[in-house]
Protein backbone atom coordinates (compact mmCIF):
# COMPACT_ATOMS: atom_id res chain seq x y z
CA VAL A 1 -36.07 15.45 203.02
CA ASP A 2 -39.86 15.68 202.87
CA ALA A 3 -40.14 11.95 202.57
CA HIS A 4 -37.82 11.39 205.42
CA ALA A 5 -39.85 13.81 207.58
CA GLN A 6 -43.13 12.11 206.72
CA TRP A 7 -41.65 8.74 207.50
CA MET A 8 -40.48 9.95 210.71
CA ARG A 9 -43.94 11.46 211.62
CA GLU A 10 -45.57 8.17 210.65
CA LYS A 11 -43.23 6.28 212.66
CA ASP A 12 -43.96 8.45 215.67
CA GLY A 13 -47.65 8.02 215.13
CA LYS A 14 -48.04 11.78 214.36
CA THR A 15 -49.23 11.47 210.92
CA THR A 16 -50.71 14.71 209.66
CA GLY A 17 -51.74 13.19 206.23
CA ASP A 18 -55.38 12.43 205.80
CA ALA A 19 -57.27 9.53 204.20
CA ASP A 20 -56.58 11.16 200.71
CA ASN A 21 -52.88 10.78 201.07
CA ARG A 22 -53.24 7.07 202.05
CA ASN A 23 -55.45 6.40 199.13
CA LYS A 24 -52.91 7.93 196.95
CA GLU A 25 -50.16 5.74 198.41
CA LYS A 26 -52.42 2.76 198.07
CA SER A 27 -53.27 3.51 194.41
CA GLU A 28 -49.58 3.89 193.82
CA SER A 29 -48.74 0.54 195.37
CA GLU A 30 -51.77 -1.20 193.52
CA LYS A 31 -50.39 0.42 190.36
CA LYS A 32 -46.80 -1.19 191.05
CA ALA A 33 -48.55 -4.46 191.89
CA GLU A 34 -50.45 -4.37 188.66
CA ALA A 35 -47.34 -3.51 186.63
CA LEU A 36 -45.60 -6.42 188.37
CA LEU A 37 -48.31 -8.75 187.52
CA GLU A 38 -48.51 -7.44 183.98
CA LEU A 39 -44.61 -8.04 183.88
CA GLY A 40 -45.10 -11.45 185.22
CA GLY A 41 -47.68 -12.37 182.61
CA ASP A 42 -45.46 -11.10 179.89
CA LEU A 43 -42.55 -13.19 181.20
CA ILE A 44 -44.88 -16.34 181.13
CA ASP A 45 -45.97 -15.58 177.67
CA ALA A 46 -42.27 -15.17 176.53
CA LEU A 47 -41.33 -18.37 178.47
CA GLU A 48 -44.20 -20.34 176.66
CA ASN A 49 -43.12 -18.91 173.30
CA MET A 50 -39.54 -19.96 173.97
CA ALA A 51 -40.65 -23.53 174.98
CA ASP A 52 -42.65 -23.84 171.75
CA HIS A 53 -39.75 -22.55 169.64
CA GLN A 54 -37.42 -24.89 171.31
CA SER A 55 -39.76 -27.92 170.79
CA TYR A 56 -40.04 -27.02 167.07
CA LEU A 57 -36.27 -26.93 166.84
CA ARG A 58 -35.94 -30.22 168.45
CA GLU A 59 -38.42 -31.92 166.09
CA ARG A 60 -36.76 -30.22 163.12
CA GLU A 61 -33.31 -31.42 164.34
CA ALA A 62 -34.68 -34.98 164.78
CA ALA A 63 -35.95 -35.00 161.28
CA HIS A 64 -32.71 -33.71 159.86
CA ARG A 65 -30.82 -36.13 161.90
CA VAL A 66 -32.88 -39.16 160.44
CA LEU A 67 -32.27 -37.80 156.92
CA ALA A 68 -28.53 -37.43 157.59
CA GLU A 69 -28.37 -41.11 158.74
CA GLU A 70 -30.25 -42.32 155.78
CA THR A 71 -27.93 -40.31 153.47
CA PHE A 72 -24.90 -41.72 155.22
CA SER A 73 -26.29 -45.28 154.86
CA ALA A 74 -26.86 -44.78 151.06
CA VAL A 75 -23.47 -43.23 150.63
CA LEU A 76 -21.81 -46.28 152.66
CA PHE A 77 -23.67 -48.78 150.45
CA TRP A 78 -22.58 -47.23 147.25
CA THR A 79 -18.98 -46.81 148.47
CA ILE A 80 -18.92 -50.57 149.22
CA VAL A 81 -20.43 -51.35 145.75
CA GLU A 82 -17.86 -49.14 144.09
CA ALA A 83 -15.04 -50.75 145.89
CA LEU A 84 -16.34 -54.21 144.86
CA VAL A 85 -16.76 -53.13 141.26
CA LEU A 86 -13.30 -51.55 141.41
CA ALA A 87 -11.80 -54.78 142.83
CA SER A 88 -13.40 -56.97 140.33
CA VAL A 89 -12.37 -54.65 137.37
CA ALA A 90 -8.83 -54.83 138.62
CA GLY A 91 -9.03 -58.55 138.87
CA VAL A 92 -10.34 -59.14 135.46
CA GLN A 93 -7.67 -56.65 133.99
CA ILE A 94 -4.93 -58.74 135.81
CA PHE A 95 -6.33 -61.88 134.73
CA TYR A 96 -6.50 -60.72 130.89
CA LEU A 97 -3.21 -59.11 131.22
CA ARG A 98 -1.49 -62.34 132.48
CA ARG A 99 -3.29 -64.25 129.82
CA PHE A 100 -2.14 -61.99 127.03
CA ILE A 101 1.52 -62.06 128.40
CA GLU A 102 1.51 -65.87 128.48
CA LYS A 103 0.20 -65.95 124.91
CA ARG A 104 2.92 -63.70 123.76
CA ARG A 105 5.63 -66.04 125.34
CA TYR A 106 4.38 -68.99 123.52
CA LEU A 107 4.61 -67.08 120.19
């Protein structure tokens, strides 16, 4: 209720407070402004830290993507080599098996 009465007196121009009261209000508003400025600085620092962390993660992800692509290429190459070796071994086995069966017919 006192704050409302003081506001009404100030509104009507009948302020009973002296310069000391105004200095107190001014210092409180300055304290609030300083607190807001400090909070803003903290937020900027946190945002810069987050941006640094995000750029680090992007660099790490890019390096791992390159490694994964190289690994995939190597796996693909050796899978193709394995398939060719498997096909050639199967072909040679079929060739020798036919040859063996044909020789047995003649005997």
